[in-house]
Amino acid sequence: VGAAVSFERELVKIAQVTGSSVKQLQGLSNEVTRISTTFGVASSDLIEVARTLNQAGLSADDTRVALEALGKSSLAPTFTDIRNTTEGAIASFRQFGIGAGQLEQVLGSINAVAGNFAVEADDIISVIRRTGGVFKAASGDIGSPTKQLNELAAVFTSVRATTRESAESIATGLRTILTRIQRPRTIDFLRQFNIELQNSQGQFIGAFNAFQKLSEGLSDLDPRDVRFSQIVEEIGGFRQVGKLIPAIQQFTVAQDALNVAQQGTGSLARDAATAQQALAVQVTKVREEFDALIRSFTETGTFKTMAGGALELASALISVTEAMKPVLPFLAIIGAVKG
């Protein structure tokens, strides 16, 4: 009953955010129940995530679609916190223009990359939140939003798998590199080394393509060559050389990670299906079925009438006790004397 009351409180919060009535949110409540009992995901987590999505401006339909993808992500082996994944999903919506219907594919790609390379899904989420806007701006309209997001994950993977630096440090480095690499001075400087970062219309060729061009252009240069040092210093500065060099020299890792990401869009559904074999997930499903049953009781008019009556009785008893407060010392004295 306590869980049912907490669930209702979250629904009321969503109603406050959206301006809808609790009755109008019955469809959302049913969807949370379906996902929790089908996949074995805690309904308390799902309803909290639903409120976060609504606060981010998602419609009721988009929220229901996103909930299933986020619920499956909690069963995947690479994601650890559904709340953090939700923040990454919102960042993907806002920065890359990903739709709610594409979220499962995006999370599936991240899951596949994290499962095949020395990188963590939560770190990819962190980089999307911190660097996604800059990477998207650098890529423009080159490729689909999901491909651009996968390209960011791939470039990050090549650096993270090589250096093992923190996601925050790498994100800061990539922001700096992407900003410097688009400067007219830098583009003109690289031309003397036959590295062209603009197309025939004078537009930047995109973030991922730029790293590819740099990798190809510097492949024949010895890292000890003074020209190599000039180039990396011009692009990354003194502070970000440690991120730029792996991104260039290990670009084949980025290409492999991009291929895995594009082929792994369905990994989330597969992992969620496999997770159903775990005893813990089966226990969670049964518990969620029981919680759903109790919620169905607490939503009936009869239960609410009984609960209201009980609360009124409790309030009346408290009032009686409050009224007796002035005479309680005298009753204690009488009891003591009688004793």
C-alpha atoms as a PDB file:
ATOM      1  CA  VAL A   1       0.000   0.000   0.000  1.00  0.00           C
ATOM      2  CA  GLY A   2       2.887   2.331   0.780  1.00  0.00           C
ATOM      3  CA  ALA A   3       4.328   1.726  -2.693  1.00  0.00           C
ATOM      4  CA  ALA A   4       0.927   2.414  -4.240  1.00  0.00           C
ATOM      5  CA  VAL A   5       0.632   5.698  -2.338  1.00  0.00           C
ATOM      6  CA  SER A   6       4.124   6.745  -3.493  1.00  0.00           C
ATOM      7  CA  PHE A   7       3.223   5.826  -7.074  1.00  0.00           C
ATOM      8  CA  GLU A   8       0.095   7.982  -6.881  1.00  0.00           C
ATOM      9  CA  ARG A   9       2.154  10.876  -5.501  1.00  0.00           C
ATOM     10  CA  GLU A  10       4.445  10.718  -8.533  1.00  0.00           C
ATOM     11  CA  LEU A  11       1.409  10.706 -10.807  1.00  0.00           C
ATOM     12  CA  VAL A  12       0.123  13.812  -9.053  1.00  0.00           C
ATOM     13  CA  LYS A  13       3.509  15.486  -9.616  1.00  0.00           C
ATOM     14  CA  ILE A  14       3.282  14.657 -13.325  1.00  0.00           C
ATOM     15  CA  ALA A  15      -0.228  16.088 -13.370  1.00  0.00           C
ATOM     16  CA  GLN A  16       1.133  19.267 -11.804  1.00  0.00           C
ATOM     17  CA  VAL A  17       3.898  19.486 -14.430  1.00  0.00           C
ATOM     18  CA  THR A  18       1.692  18.775 -17.448  1.00  0.00           C
ATOM     19  CA  GLY A  19      -1.500  20.438 -16.320  1.00  0.00           C
ATOM     20  CA  SER A  20      -3.400  17.181 -16.857  1.00  0.00           C
ATOM     21  CA  SER A  21      -5.626  15.439 -14.348  1.00  0.00           C
ATOM     22  CA  VAL A  22      -4.603  12.183 -12.697  1.00  0.00           C
ATOM     23  CA  LYS A  23      -7.438  10.496 -14.576  1.00  0.00           C
ATOM     24  CA  GLN A  24      -6.025  11.721 -17.899  1.00  0.00           C
ATOM     25  CA  LEU A  25      -2.683  10.129 -16.977  1.00  0.00           C
ATOM     26  CA  GLN A  26      -4.217   6.675 -16.697  1.00  0.00           C
ATOM     27  CA  GLY A  27      -2.658   5.719 -20.035  1.00  0.00           C
ATOM     28  CA  LEU A  28       0.799   6.565 -18.707  1.00  0.00           C
ATOM     29  CA  SER A  29       0.116   4.605 -15.530  1.00  0.00           C
ATOM     30  CA  ASN A  30      -0.963   1.590 -17.576  1.00  0.00           C
ATOM     31  CA  GLU A  31       2.169   1.833 -19.717  1.00  0.00           C
ATOM     32  CA  VAL A  32       4.417   1.904 -16.642  1.00  0.00           C
ATOM     33  CA  THR A  33       2.598  -1.152 -15.305  1.00  0.00           C
ATOM     34  CA  ARG A  34       2.971  -2.977 -18.629  1.00  0.00           C
ATOM     35  CA  ILE A  35       6.711  -2.276 -18.909  1.00  0.00           C
ATOM     36  CA  SER A  36       7.434  -3.152 -15.266  1.00  0.00           C
ATOM     37  CA  THR A  37       5.543  -6.445 -15.346  1.00  0.00           C
ATOM     38  CA  THR A  38       6.741  -7.435 -18.834  1.00  0.00           C
ATOM     39  CA  PHE A  39      10.452  -6.724 -18.439  1.00  0.00           C
ATOM     40  CA  GLY A  40      10.947  -6.787 -14.670  1.00  0.00           C
ATOM     41  CA  VAL A  41      11.797  -3.106 -14.171  1.00  0.00           C
ATOM     42  CA  ALA A  42      10.886  -1.220 -11.001  1.00  0.00           C
ATOM     43  CA  SER A  43       7.735   0.835 -11.548  1.00  0.00           C
ATOM     44  CA  SER A  44       8.956   3.387  -8.998  1.00  0.00           C
ATOM     45  CA  ASP A  45      11.960   4.109 -11.236  1.00  0.00           C
ATOM     46  CA  LEU A  46       9.846   4.283 -14.382  1.00  0.00           C
ATOM     47  CA  ILE A  47       7.300   6.726 -12.968  1.00  0.00           C
ATOM     48  CA  GLU A  48      10.121   8.966 -11.721  1.00  0.00           C
ATOM     49  CA  VAL A  49      11.734   8.855 -15.169  1.00  0.00           C
ATOM     50  CA  ALA A  50       8.365   9.698 -16.727  1.00  0.00           C
ATOM     51  CA  ARG A  51       8.193  12.859 -14.612  1.00  0.00           C
ATOM     52  CA  THR A  52      11.705  13.858 -15.732  1.00  0.00           C
ATOM     53  CA  LEU A  53      10.738  13.361 -19.387  1.00  0.00           C
ATOM     54  CA  ASN A  54       7.588  15.423 -18.947  1.00  0.00           C
ATOM     55  CA  GLN A  55       9.560  18.190 -17.272  1.00  0.00           C
ATOM     56  CA  ALA A  56      11.854  18.166 -20.323  1.00  0.00           C
ATOM     57  CA  GLY A  57       8.841  18.938 -22.507  1.00  0.00           C
ATOM     58  CA  LEU A  58       8.126  15.539 -24.052  1.00  0.00           C
ATOM     59  CA  SER A  59       4.547  14.829 -25.016  1.00  0.00           C
ATOM     60  CA  ALA A  60       2.570  12.037 -23.397  1.00  0.00           C
ATOM     61  CA  ASP A  61       3.006   9.809 -26.470  1.00  0.00           C
ATOM     62  CA  ASP A  62       6.755  10.434 -26.696  1.00  0.00           C
ATOM     63  CA  THR A  63       7.113   9.760 -22.977  1.00  0.00           C
ATOM     64  CA  ARG A  64       5.417   6.369 -23.305  1.00  0.00           C
ATOM     65  CA  VAL A  65       7.660   5.434 -26.242  1.00  0.00           C
ATOM     66  CA  ALA A  66      10.840   6.569 -24.473  1.00  0.00           C
ATOM     67  CA  LEU A  67       9.909   4.727 -21.275  1.00  0.00           C
ATOM     68  CA  GLU A  68      10.124   1.307 -22.895  1.00  0.00           C
ATOM     69  CA  ALA A  69      13.581   2.021 -24.321  1.00  0.00           C
ATOM     70  CA  LEU A  70      14.804   3.315 -20.968  1.00  0.00           C
ATOM     71  CA  GLY A  71      13.274   0.343 -19.181  1.00  0.00           C
ATOM     72  CA  LYS A  72      15.141  -2.055 -21.466  1.00  0.00           C
ATOM     73  CA  SER A  73      18.381  -0.132 -20.918  1.00  0.00           C
ATOM     74  CA  SER A  74      18.204  -0.884 -17.189  1.00  0.00           C
ATOM     75  CA  LEU A  75      18.397  -4.600 -18.074  1.00  0.00           C
ATOM     76  CA  ALA A  76      21.397  -4.198 -20.398  1.00  0.00           C
ATOM     77  CA  PRO A  77      24.824  -5.097 -18.987  1.00  0.00           C
ATOM     78  CA  THR A  78      26.491  -1.765 -19.832  1.00  0.00           C
ATOM     79  CA  PHE A  79      24.058   0.771 -18.305  1.00  0.00           C
ATOM     80  CA  THR A  80      24.104   1.247 -14.536  1.00  0.00           C
ATOM     81  CA  ASP A  81      21.656   4.047 -13.682  1.00  0.00           C
ATOM     82  CA  ILE A  82      18.369   4.642 -15.464  1.00  0.00           C
ATOM     83  CA  ARG A  83      18.286   8.246 -14.238  1.00  0.00           C
ATOM     84  CA  ASN A  84      21.659   9.023 -15.797  1.00  0.00           C
ATOM     85  CA  THR A  85      20.558   7.287 -19.001  1.00  0.00           C
ATOM     86  CA  THR A  86      17.442   9.454 -19.006  1.00  0.00           C
ATOM     87  CA  GLU A  87      19.559  12.611 -18.805  1.00  0.00           C
ATOM     88  CA  GLY A  88      21.564  11.352 -21.771  1.00  0.00           C
ATOM     89  CA  ALA A  89      18.371  10.623 -23.682  1.00  0.00           C
ATOM     90  CA  ILE A  90      17.111  14.170 -23.109  1.00  0.00           C
ATOM     91  CA  ALA A  91      20.484  15.550 -24.251  1.00  0.00           C
ATOM     92  CA  SER A  92      20.186  13.441 -27.425  1.00  0.00           C
ATOM     93  CA  PHE A  93      16.685  14.788 -28.063  1.00  0.00           C
ATOM     94  CA  ARG A  94      17.708  18.405 -27.622  1.00  0.00           C
ATOM     95  CA  GLN A  95      21.229  18.463 -29.116  1.00  0.00           C
ATOM     96  CA  PHE A  96      20.930  16.017 -32.018  1.00  0.00           C
ATOM     97  CA  GLY A  97      17.194  16.158 -32.687  1.00  0.00           C
ATOM     98  CA  ILE A  98      16.722  12.458 -31.972  1.00  0.00           C
ATOM     99  CA  GLY A  99      13.063  11.425 -31.799  1.00  0.00           C
ATOM    100  CA  ALA A 100      11.580   9.298 -29.039  1.00  0.00           C
ATOM    101  CA  GLY A 101      11.005   6.517 -31.557  1.00  0.00           C
ATOM    102  CA  GLN A 102      14.751   6.421 -32.311  1.00  0.00           C
ATOM    103  CA  LEU A 103      15.841   6.258 -28.670  1.00  0.00           C
ATOM    104  CA  GLU A 104      15.947   2.465 -28.472  1.00  0.00           C
ATOM    105  CA  GLN A 105      18.225   2.336 -31.528  1.00  0.00           C
ATOM    106  CA  VAL A 106      20.507   5.010 -30.059  1.00  0.00           C
ATOM    107  CA  LEU A 107      20.765   3.258 -26.708  1.00  0.00           C
ATOM    108  CA  GLY A 108      21.266  -0.029 -28.521  1.00  0.00           C
ATOM    109  CA  SER A 109      24.229   1.442 -30.416  1.00  0.00           C
ATOM    110  CA  ILE A 110      25.763   2.768 -27.188  1.00  0.00           C
ATOM    111  CA  ASN A 111      25.208  -0.617 -25.555  1.00  0.00           C
ATOM    112  CA  ALA A 112      26.914  -2.406 -28.451  1.00  0.00           C
ATOM    113  CA  VAL A 113      29.956  -0.090 -28.423  1.00  0.00           C
ATOM    114  CA  ALA A 114      30.340  -0.374 -24.650  1.00  0.00           C
ATOM    115  CA  GLY A 115      30.106  -4.146 -24.924  1.00  0.00           C
ATOM    116  CA  ASN A 116      32.816  -4.439 -27.569  1.00  0.00           C
ATOM    117  CA  PHE A 117      35.346  -1.791 -26.562  1.00  0.00           C
ATOM    118  CA  ALA A 118      37.093  -0.630 -23.402  1.00  0.00           C
ATOM    119  CA  VAL A 119      34.561   2.115 -22.777  1.00  0.00           C
ATOM    120  CA  GLU A 120      31.545   2.447 -20.485  1.00  0.00           C
ATOM    121  CA  ALA A 121      28.007   3.322 -21.576  1.00  0.00           C
ATOM    122  CA  ASP A 122      27.678   5.872 -18.767  1.00  0.00           C
ATOM    123  CA  ASP A 123      30.826   7.612 -20.025  1.00  0.00           C
ATOM    124  CA  ILE A 124      29.415   7.818 -23.556  1.00  0.00           C
ATOM    125  CA  ILE A 125      26.255   9.320 -22.065  1.00  0.00           C
ATOM    126  CA  SER A 126      28.405  11.834 -20.176  1.00  0.00           C
ATOM    127  CA  VAL A 127      30.222  12.909 -23.349  1.00  0.00           C
ATOM    128  CA  ILE A 128      26.947  13.293 -25.229  1.00  0.00           C
ATOM    129  CA  ARG A 129      25.719  15.623 -22.491  1.00  0.00           C
ATOM    130  CA  ARG A 130      28.925  17.693 -22.442  1.00  0.00           C
ATOM    131  CA  THR A 131      30.064  17.700 -26.072  1.00  0.00           C
ATOM    132  CA  GLY A 132      27.002  16.775 -28.113  1.00  0.00           C
ATOM    133  CA  GLY A 133      26.036  20.350 -28.976  1.00  0.00           C
ATOM    134  CA  VAL A 134      29.528  21.258 -30.221  1.00  0.00           C
ATOM    135  CA  PHE A 135      29.874  18.029 -32.225  1.00  0.00           C
ATOM    136  CA  LYS A 136      26.443  18.506 -33.781  1.00  0.00           C
ATOM    137  CA  ALA A 137      27.241  22.104 -34.754  1.00  0.00           C
ATOM    138  CA  ALA A 138      30.534  20.995 -36.326  1.00  0.00           C
ATOM    139  CA  SER A 139      28.788  18.209 -38.264  1.00  0.00           C
ATOM    140  CA  GLY A 140      25.934  20.407 -39.496  1.00  0.00           C
ATOM    141  CA  ASP A 141      23.584  18.445 -41.737  1.00  0.00           C
ATOM    142  CA  ILE A 142      26.193  15.855 -42.753  1.00  0.00           C
ATOM    143  CA  GLY A 143      24.611  12.483 -42.028  1.00  0.00           C
ATOM    144  CA  SER A 144      21.522  11.644 -39.991  1.00  0.00           C
ATOM    145  CA  PRO A 145      21.243  12.688 -36.306  1.00  0.00           C
ATOM    146  CA  THR A 146      21.709   9.086 -35.166  1.00  0.00           C
ATOM    147  CA  LYS A 147      24.829   8.705 -37.335  1.00  0.00           C
ATOM    148  CA  GLN A 148      26.279  11.932 -35.933  1.00  0.00           C
ATOM    149  CA  LEU A 149      25.668  10.728 -32.396  1.00  0.00           C
ATOM    150  CA  ASN A 150      27.317   7.405 -33.208  1.00  0.00           C
ATOM    151  CA  GLU A 151      30.286   9.279 -34.688  1.00  0.00           C
ATOM    152  CA  LEU A 152      30.735  11.215 -31.439  1.00  0.00           C
ATOM    153  CA  ALA A 153      30.601   7.963 -29.472  1.00  0.00           C
ATOM    154  CA  ALA A 154      33.142   6.424 -31.864  1.00  0.00           C
ATOM    155  CA  VAL A 155      35.662   9.282 -31.589  1.00  0.00           C
ATOM    156  CA  PHE A 156      35.306   9.288 -27.807  1.00  0.00           C
ATOM    157  CA  THR A 157      35.815   5.520 -27.746  1.00  0.00           C
ATOM    158  CA  SER A 158      39.114   5.779 -29.624  1.00  0.00           C
ATOM    159  CA  VAL A 159      40.437   8.230 -27.009  1.00  0.00           C
ATOM    160  CA  ARG A 160      38.961   6.586 -23.928  1.00  0.00           C
ATOM    161  CA  ALA A 161      40.075   3.082 -24.889  1.00  0.00           C
ATOM    162  CA  THR A 162      43.618   4.342 -25.466  1.00  0.00           C
ATOM    163  CA  THR A 163      44.206   6.834 -22.657  1.00  0.00           C
ATOM    164  CA  ARG A 164      41.659   5.726 -19.988  1.00  0.00           C
ATOM    165  CA  GLU A 165      41.246   9.381 -19.070  1.00  0.00           C
ATOM    166  CA  SER A 166      37.958  10.407 -17.498  1.00  0.00           C
ATOM    167  CA  ALA A 167      34.926  11.157 -19.651  1.00  0.00           C
ATOM    168  CA  GLU A 168      34.825  14.727 -18.329  1.00  0.00           C
ATOM    169  CA  SER A 169      38.459  15.355 -19.313  1.00  0.00           C
ATOM    170  CA  ILE A 170      37.992  13.881 -22.784  1.00  0.00           C
ATOM    171  CA  ALA A 171      34.779  15.847 -23.321  1.00  0.00           C
ATOM    172  CA  THR A 172      36.578  19.084 -22.463  1.00  0.00           C
ATOM    173  CA  GLY A 173      39.398  18.189 -24.836  1.00  0.00           C
ATOM    174  CA  LEU A 174      37.059  17.371 -27.714  1.00  0.00           C
ATOM    175  CA  ARG A 175      35.194  20.651 -27.256  1.00  0.00           C
ATOM    176  CA  THR A 176      38.466  22.572 -27.501  1.00  0.00           C
ATOM    177  CA  ILE A 177      39.701  20.591 -30.509  1.00  0.00           C
ATOM    178  CA  LEU A 178      36.411  20.940 -32.404  1.00  0.00           C
ATOM    179  CA  THR A 179      36.405  24.676 -31.807  1.00  0.00           C
ATOM    180  CA  ARG A 180      40.013  25.204 -32.903  1.00  0.00           C
ATOM    181  CA  ILE A 181      39.825  22.903 -35.909  1.00  0.00           C
ATOM    182  CA  GLN A 182      37.151  25.080 -37.553  1.00  0.00           C
ATOM    183  CA  ARG A 183      39.105  28.328 -37.299  1.00  0.00           C
ATOM    184  CA  PRO A 184      40.006  29.810 -40.708  1.00  0.00           C
ATOM    185  CA  ARG A 185      43.607  30.189 -39.535  1.00  0.00           C
ATOM    186  CA  THR A 186      43.834  26.498 -38.664  1.00  0.00           C
ATOM    187  CA  ILE A 187      42.208  25.424 -41.931  1.00  0.00           C
ATOM    188  CA  ASP A 188      44.661  27.555 -43.919  1.00  0.00           C
ATOM    189  CA  PHE A 189      47.564  26.225 -41.859  1.00  0.00           C
ATOM    190  CA  LEU A 190      46.630  22.606 -42.603  1.00  0.00           C
ATOM    191  CA  ARG A 191      46.380  23.203 -46.351  1.00  0.00           C
ATOM    192  CA  GLN A 192      50.163  23.443 -46.617  1.00  0.00           C
ATOM    193  CA  PHE A 193      50.257  19.815 -45.447  1.00  0.00           C
ATOM    194  CA  ASN A 194      47.613  18.798 -48.042  1.00  0.00           C
ATOM    195  CA  ILE A 195      44.944  18.401 -45.343  1.00  0.00           C
ATOM    196  CA  GLU A 196      41.742  19.992 -46.649  1.00  0.00           C
ATOM    197  CA  LEU A 197      38.930  20.478 -44.116  1.00  0.00           C
ATOM    198  CA  GLN A 198      36.523  22.377 -46.387  1.00  0.00           C
ATOM    199  CA  ASN A 199      34.386  21.185 -49.257  1.00  0.00           C
ATOM    200  CA  SER A 200      34.022  22.836 -52.648  1.00  0.00           C
ATOM    201  CA  GLN A 201      31.456  25.276 -51.187  1.00  0.00           C
ATOM    202  CA  GLY A 202      33.882  26.390 -48.498  1.00  0.00           C
ATOM    203  CA  GLN A 203      31.991  24.585 -45.723  1.00  0.00           C
ATOM    204  CA  PHE A 204      33.575  22.556 -42.927  1.00  0.00           C
ATOM    205  CA  ILE A 205      33.511  18.859 -43.805  1.00  0.00           C
ATOM    206  CA  GLY A 206      32.193  17.719 -40.418  1.00  0.00           C
ATOM    207  CA  ALA A 207      33.754  16.557 -37.176  1.00  0.00           C
ATOM    208  CA  PHE A 208      34.179  12.849 -37.932  1.00  0.00           C
ATOM    209  CA  ASN A 209      35.422  13.469 -41.472  1.00  0.00           C
ATOM    210  CA  ALA A 210      37.911  16.006 -40.122  1.00  0.00           C
ATOM    211  CA  PHE A 211      39.441  13.450 -37.771  1.00  0.00           C
ATOM    212  CA  GLN A 212      39.643  11.039 -40.697  1.00  0.00           C
ATOM    213  CA  LYS A 213      41.420  13.602 -42.877  1.00  0.00           C
ATOM    214  CA  LEU A 214      43.869  14.368 -40.086  1.00  0.00           C
ATOM    215  CA  SER A 215      44.552  10.682 -39.565  1.00  0.00           C
ATOM    216  CA  GLU A 216      45.217  10.155 -43.270  1.00  0.00           C
ATOM    217  CA  GLY A 217      47.280  13.337 -43.609  1.00  0.00           C
ATOM    218  CA  LEU A 218      49.510  12.628 -40.619  1.00  0.00           C
ATOM    219  CA  SER A 219      49.915   8.896 -41.157  1.00  0.00           C
ATOM    220  CA  ASP A 220      53.186   9.394 -43.067  1.00  0.00           C
ATOM    221  CA  LEU A 221      54.665  11.831 -40.544  1.00  0.00           C
ATOM    222  CA  ASP A 222      56.890  10.581 -37.759  1.00  0.00           C
ATOM    223  CA  PRO A 223      55.563  11.811 -34.386  1.00  0.00           C
ATOM    224  CA  ARG A 224      59.091  13.113 -33.763  1.00  0.00           C
ATOM    225  CA  ASP A 225      58.898  15.271 -36.882  1.00  0.00           C
ATOM    226  CA  VAL A 226      58.667  18.969 -36.036  1.00  0.00           C
ATOM    227  CA  ARG A 227      55.818  19.325 -38.534  1.00  0.00           C
ATOM    228  CA  PHE A 228      53.774  16.774 -36.589  1.00  0.00           C
ATOM    229  CA  SER A 229      54.298  18.789 -33.407  1.00  0.00           C
ATOM    230  CA  GLN A 230      53.301  22.001 -35.200  1.00  0.00           C
ATOM    231  CA  ILE A 231      50.066  20.492 -36.433  1.00  0.00           C
ATOM    232  CA  VAL A 232      48.913  18.951 -33.146  1.00  0.00           C
ATOM    233  CA  GLU A 233      49.828  22.124 -31.251  1.00  0.00           C
ATOM    234  CA  GLU A 234      47.846  24.245 -33.702  1.00  0.00           C
ATOM    235  CA  ILE A 235      44.785  22.036 -33.378  1.00  0.00           C
ATOM    236  CA  GLY A 236      44.833  20.936 -29.761  1.00  0.00           C
ATOM    237  CA  GLY A 237      47.016  23.455 -27.990  1.00  0.00           C
ATOM    238  CA  PHE A 238      49.373  22.369 -25.255  1.00  0.00           C
ATOM    239  CA  ARG A 239      46.652  21.074 -22.937  1.00  0.00           C
ATOM    240  CA  GLN A 240      44.689  18.857 -25.310  1.00  0.00           C
ATOM    241  CA  VAL A 241      47.515  17.143 -27.195  1.00  0.00           C
ATOM    242  CA  GLY A 242      46.949  14.037 -25.064  1.00  0.00           C
ATOM    243  CA  LYS A 243      43.418  13.719 -26.484  1.00  0.00           C
ATOM    244  CA  LEU A 244      44.161  14.779 -30.047  1.00  0.00           C
ATOM    245  CA  ILE A 245      47.006  12.374 -30.773  1.00  0.00           C
ATOM    246  CA  PRO A 246      45.010   9.205 -29.823  1.00  0.00           C
ATOM    247  CA  ALA A 247      42.009  10.490 -31.788  1.00  0.00           C
ATOM    248  CA  ILE A 248      44.241  10.790 -34.872  1.00  0.00           C
ATOM    249  CA  GLN A 249      46.547   7.802 -34.474  1.00  0.00           C
ATOM    250  CA  GLN A 250      43.798   5.434 -33.292  1.00  0.00           C
ATOM    251  CA  PHE A 251      41.203   6.528 -35.833  1.00  0.00           C
ATOM    252  CA  THR A 252      40.821   2.931 -36.997  1.00  0.00           C
ATOM    253  CA  VAL A 253      39.365   2.223 -33.547  1.00  0.00           C
ATOM    254  CA  ALA A 254      36.839   5.004 -34.126  1.00  0.00           C
ATOM    255  CA  GLN A 255      35.892   3.509 -37.500  1.00  0.00           C
ATOM    256  CA  ASP A 256      35.457   0.068 -35.959  1.00  0.00           C
ATOM    257  CA  ALA A 257      33.366   1.533 -33.132  1.00  0.00           C
ATOM    258  CA  LEU A 258      31.178   3.371 -35.644  1.00  0.00           C
ATOM    259  CA  ASN A 259      30.560   0.132 -37.542  1.00  0.00           C
ATOM    260  CA  VAL A 260      29.637  -1.656 -34.315  1.00  0.00           C
ATOM    261  CA  ALA A 261      27.310   1.201 -33.337  1.00  0.00           C
ATOM    262  CA  GLN A 262      25.497   1.125 -36.675  1.00  0.00           C
ATOM    263  CA  GLN A 263      25.091  -2.644 -36.541  1.00  0.00           C
ATOM    264  CA  GLY A 264      24.135  -2.778 -32.857  1.00  0.00           C
ATOM    265  CA  THR A 265      20.884  -0.816 -32.918  1.00  0.00           C
ATOM    266  CA  GLY A 266      18.922  -3.920 -31.866  1.00  0.00           C
ATOM    267  CA  SER A 267      21.218  -4.981 -29.020  1.00  0.00           C
ATOM    268  CA  LEU A 268      18.994  -3.451 -26.338  1.00  0.00           C
ATOM    269  CA  ALA A 269      16.042  -5.697 -27.180  1.00  0.00           C
ATOM    270  CA  ARG A 270      18.283  -8.781 -27.321  1.00  0.00           C
ATOM    271  CA  ASP A 271      19.858  -8.059 -23.933  1.00  0.00           C
ATOM    272  CA  ALA A 272      16.468  -7.349 -22.368  1.00  0.00           C
ATOM    273  CA  ALA A 273      15.216 -10.722 -23.622  1.00  0.00           C
ATOM    274  CA  THR A 274      18.300 -12.494 -22.283  1.00  0.00           C
ATOM    275  CA  ALA A 275      17.919 -10.775 -18.913  1.00  0.00           C
ATOM    276  CA  GLN A 276      14.552 -12.474 -18.413  1.00  0.00           C
ATOM    277  CA  GLN A 277      16.434 -15.672 -17.557  1.00  0.00           C
ATOM    278  CA  ALA A 278      17.861 -14.095 -14.393  1.00  0.00           C
ATOM    279  CA  LEU A 279      16.113 -15.088 -11.165  1.00  0.00           C
ATOM    280  CA  ALA A 280      16.349 -11.522  -9.862  1.00  0.00           C
ATOM    281  CA  VAL A 281      14.430 -10.232 -12.890  1.00  0.00           C
ATOM    282  CA  GLN A 282      11.777 -12.930 -12.497  1.00  0.00           C
ATOM    283  CA  VAL A 283      11.357 -11.988  -8.838  1.00  0.00           C
ATOM    284  CA  THR A 284      11.026  -8.321  -9.797  1.00  0.00           C
ATOM    285  CA  LYS A 285       8.337  -9.165 -12.356  1.00  0.00           C
ATOM    286  CA  VAL A 286       6.275 -11.046  -9.756  1.00  0.00           C
ATOM    287  CA  ARG A 287       6.712  -8.243  -7.227  1.00  0.00           C
ATOM    288  CA  GLU A 288       5.628  -5.673  -9.823  1.00  0.00           C
ATOM    289  CA  GLU A 289       2.572  -7.788 -10.661  1.00  0.00           C
ATOM    290  CA  PHE A 290       1.649  -7.791  -6.975  1.00  0.00           C
ATOM    291  CA  ASP A 291       2.253  -4.039  -6.682  1.00  0.00           C
ATOM    292  CA  ALA A 292       0.085  -3.481  -9.747  1.00  0.00           C
ATOM    293  CA  LEU A 293      -2.676  -5.535  -8.112  1.00  0.00           C
ATOM    294  CA  ILE A 294      -2.511  -3.431  -4.944  1.00  0.00           C
ATOM    295  CA  ARG A 295      -2.548  -0.224  -7.021  1.00  0.00           C
ATOM    296  CA  SER A 296      -5.681  -1.427  -8.769  1.00  0.00           C
ATOM    297  CA  PHE A 297      -7.320  -1.835  -5.335  1.00  0.00           C
ATOM    298  CA  THR A 298      -6.185   1.564  -4.076  1.00  0.00           C
ATOM    299  CA  GLU A 299      -7.568   3.272  -7.189  1.00  0.00           C
ATOM    300  CA  THR A 300     -11.125   2.025  -6.545  1.00  0.00           C
ATOM    301  CA  GLY A 301     -13.748   4.334  -5.058  1.00  0.00           C
ATOM    302  CA  THR A 302     -14.460   1.894  -2.230  1.00  0.00           C
ATOM    303  CA  PHE A 303     -10.843   1.885  -1.039  1.00  0.00           C
ATOM    304  CA  LYS A 304     -10.607   5.668  -1.245  1.00  0.00           C
ATOM    305  CA  THR A 305     -13.821   6.000   0.775  1.00  0.00           C
ATOM    306  CA  MET A 306     -12.519   3.597   3.424  1.00  0.00           C
ATOM    307  CA  ALA A 307      -9.132   5.313   3.507  1.00  0.00           C
ATOM    308  CA  GLY A 308     -10.801   8.703   3.772  1.00  0.00           C
ATOM    309  CA  GLY A 309     -12.959   7.504   6.649  1.00  0.00           C
ATOM    310  CA  ALA A 310      -9.958   6.030   8.448  1.00  0.00           C
ATOM    311  CA  LEU A 311      -8.002   9.246   8.031  1.00  0.00           C
ATOM    312  CA  GLU A 312     -10.926  11.298   9.316  1.00  0.00           C
ATOM    313  CA  LEU A 313     -11.213   9.006  12.340  1.00  0.00           C
ATOM    314  CA  ALA A 314      -7.490   9.318  13.009  1.00  0.00           C
ATOM    315  CA  SER A 315      -7.735  13.088  12.704  1.00  0.00           C
ATOM    316  CA  ALA A 316     -10.689  13.121  15.137  1.00  0.00           C
ATOM    317  CA  LEU A 317      -8.759  11.036  17.681  1.00  0.00           C
ATOM    318  CA  ILE A 318      -5.833  13.419  17.421  1.00  0.00           C
ATOM    319  CA  SER A 319      -8.211  16.325  18.025  1.00  0.00           C
ATOM    320  CA  VAL A 320      -9.649  14.599  21.097  1.00  0.00           C
ATOM    321  CA  THR A 321      -6.167  13.995  22.452  1.00  0.00           C
ATOM    322  CA  GLU A 322      -5.280  17.620  21.780  1.00  0.00           C
ATOM    323  CA  ALA A 323      -8.392  18.744  23.682  1.00  0.00           C
ATOM    324  CA  MET A 324      -7.461  16.544  26.673  1.00  0.00           C
ATOM    325  CA  LYS A 325      -3.955  17.997  26.870  1.00  0.00           C
ATOM    326  CA  PRO A 326      -4.783  20.587  29.620  1.00  0.00           C
ATOM    327  CA  VAL A 327      -6.215  17.932  31.992  1.00  0.00           C
ATOM    328  CA  LEU A 328      -3.570  15.272  31.422  1.00  0.00           C
ATOM    329  CA  PRO A 329      -1.364  16.509  34.350  1.00  0.00           C
ATOM    330  CA  PHE A 330      -4.336  16.306  36.754  1.00  0.00           C
ATOM    331  CA  LEU A 331      -5.188  12.796  35.535  1.00  0.00           C
ATOM    332  CA  ALA A 332      -1.565  11.823  36.160  1.00  0.00           C
ATOM    333  CA  ILE A 333      -1.753  13.242  39.725  1.00  0.00           C
ATOM    334  CA  ILE A 334      -5.010  11.382  40.393  1.00  0.00           C
ATOM    335  CA  GLY A 335      -3.463   8.187  39.086  1.00  0.00           C
ATOM    336  CA  ALA A 336      -0.416   8.670  41.264  1.00  0.00           C
ATOM    337  CA  VAL A 337      -2.524   9.348  44.392  1.00  0.00           C
ATOM    338  CA  LYS A 338      -4.694   6.331  43.683  1.00  0.00           C
ATOM    339  CA  GLY A 339      -1.592   4.233  43.247  1.00  0.00           C
END
